[in-house]
Protein backbone atom coordinates (compact mmCIF):
# COMPACT_ATOMS: atom_id res chain seq x y z
CA UNK A 1 -36.25 15.77 -1.43
CA UNK A 2 -35.39 16.39 -5.13
CA UNK A 3 -36.81 16.11 -8.60
CA UNK A 4 -35.41 16.06 -12.08
CA UNK A 5 -36.89 15.79 -15.49
CA UNK A 6 -35.51 14.03 -18.64
CA UNK A 7 -36.17 13.78 -22.13
CA UNK A 8 -35.94 10.28 -23.44
CA UNK A 9 -35.56 9.38 -27.05
CA UNK A 10 -36.81 5.94 -27.90
CA UNK A 11 -37.41 3.81 -31.08
CA UNK A 12 -41.05 4.77 -32.06
CA UNK A 13 -42.13 1.23 -32.49
CA UNK A 14 -40.93 0.54 -28.84
CA UNK A 15 -42.86 3.38 -27.13
CA UNK A 16 -45.24 0.97 -25.19
CA UNK A 17 -42.49 -1.44 -24.18
CA UNK A 18 -40.58 1.53 -22.57
CA UNK A 19 -43.72 3.05 -21.01
CA UNK A 20 -44.52 -0.46 -19.48
CA UNK A 21 -41.01 -0.67 -17.99
CA UNK A 22 -40.93 2.85 -16.61
CA UNK A 23 -44.25 2.30 -14.82
CA UNK A 24 -42.45 -0.45 -12.88
CA UNK A 25 -39.72 1.93 -11.58
CA UNK A 26 -40.36 3.78 -8.35
CA UNK A 27 -40.52 7.43 -8.35
CA UNK A 28 -40.69 7.75 -12.04
CA UNK A 29 -43.55 9.31 -14.12
CA UNK A 30 -44.02 10.06 -17.75
CA UNK A 31 -45.63 13.25 -18.43
CA UNK A 32 -45.63 13.53 -22.21
CA UNK A 33 -45.27 11.17 -25.21
CA UNK A 34 -44.81 12.12 -28.74
CA UNK A 35 -45.35 9.70 -31.79
CA UNK A 36 -41.80 10.27 -32.87
CA UNK A 37 -40.59 8.43 -29.86
CA UNK A 38 -39.78 11.32 -27.35
CA UNK A 39 -40.91 11.11 -23.72
CA UNK A 40 -40.85 13.64 -20.93
CA UNK A 41 -40.04 11.99 -17.64
CA UNK A 42 -39.90 13.21 -13.94
CA UNK A 43 -38.02 11.37 -11.20
CA UNK A 44 -38.85 12.02 -7.73
CA UNK A 45 -36.28 10.80 -5.13
CA UNK A 46 -35.98 11.40 -1.42
CA UNK A 47 -32.10 10.89 -2.02
CA UNK A 48 -30.86 13.15 -4.67
CA UNK A 49 -27.63 11.12 -5.02
CA UNK A 50 -29.73 8.21 -6.46
CA UNK A 51 -30.55 10.20 -9.59
CA UNK A 52 -27.75 8.98 -11.39
CA UNK A 53 -28.66 5.29 -10.78
CA UNK A 54 -32.36 5.98 -11.96
CA UNK A 55 -31.18 7.82 -15.12
CA UNK A 56 -28.86 4.94 -15.98
CA UNK A 57 -31.74 2.57 -15.49
CA UNK A 58 -33.87 4.58 -17.89
CA UNK A 59 -30.95 5.04 -20.51
CA UNK A 60 -30.40 1.17 -20.42
CA UNK A 61 -34.05 0.39 -21.10
CA UNK A 62 -34.53 -1.85 -24.29
CA UNK A 63 -35.73 0.59 -26.85
CA UNK A 64 -34.24 3.86 -25.38
CA UNK A 65 -31.74 5.58 -27.68
CA UNK A 66 -30.65 8.39 -25.36
CA UNK A 67 -31.71 10.11 -21.97
CA UNK A 68 -31.00 13.78 -21.35
CA UNK A 69 -31.29 15.53 -18.10
CA UNK A 70 -33.22 18.70 -18.50
CA UNK A 71 -33.80 19.94 -15.18
CA UNK A 72 -32.98 19.08 -11.40
CA UNK A 73 -34.14 20.60 -8.30
CA UNK A 74 -33.02 19.68 -4.64
CA UNK A 75 -34.66 21.05 -1.47
CA UNK A 76 -31.66 22.79 0.17
CA UNK A 77 -33.13 22.40 3.65
CA UNK A 78 -32.58 18.53 3.42
CA UNK A 79 -28.87 19.00 2.70
CA UNK A 80 -26.36 19.37 5.52
CA UNK A 81 -23.69 21.90 4.88
CA UNK A 82 -20.26 21.92 6.63
CA UNK A 83 -18.36 25.21 7.17
CA UNK A 84 -15.05 25.27 5.47
CA UNK A 85 -12.27 27.19 7.06
CA UNK A 86 -9.45 28.89 5.02
């Protein structure tokens, strides 16, 4: 399991359109919205490798100017490590 948070910068006049589209994405929640077009978004994924897909989906939404990854956490117990010999 893992989570990451992003700051999206949107066109202020497109905030509602972006919010509506984000609502349709699985595992994505908006936690804060500013009148200047900035959104704080959290992505909760069971497969951390799928973050990049979700981040690109958010970045490519109509009205989004940029998407910046701010924080990422992965539960280490769900990741398999291999021993490397030297």
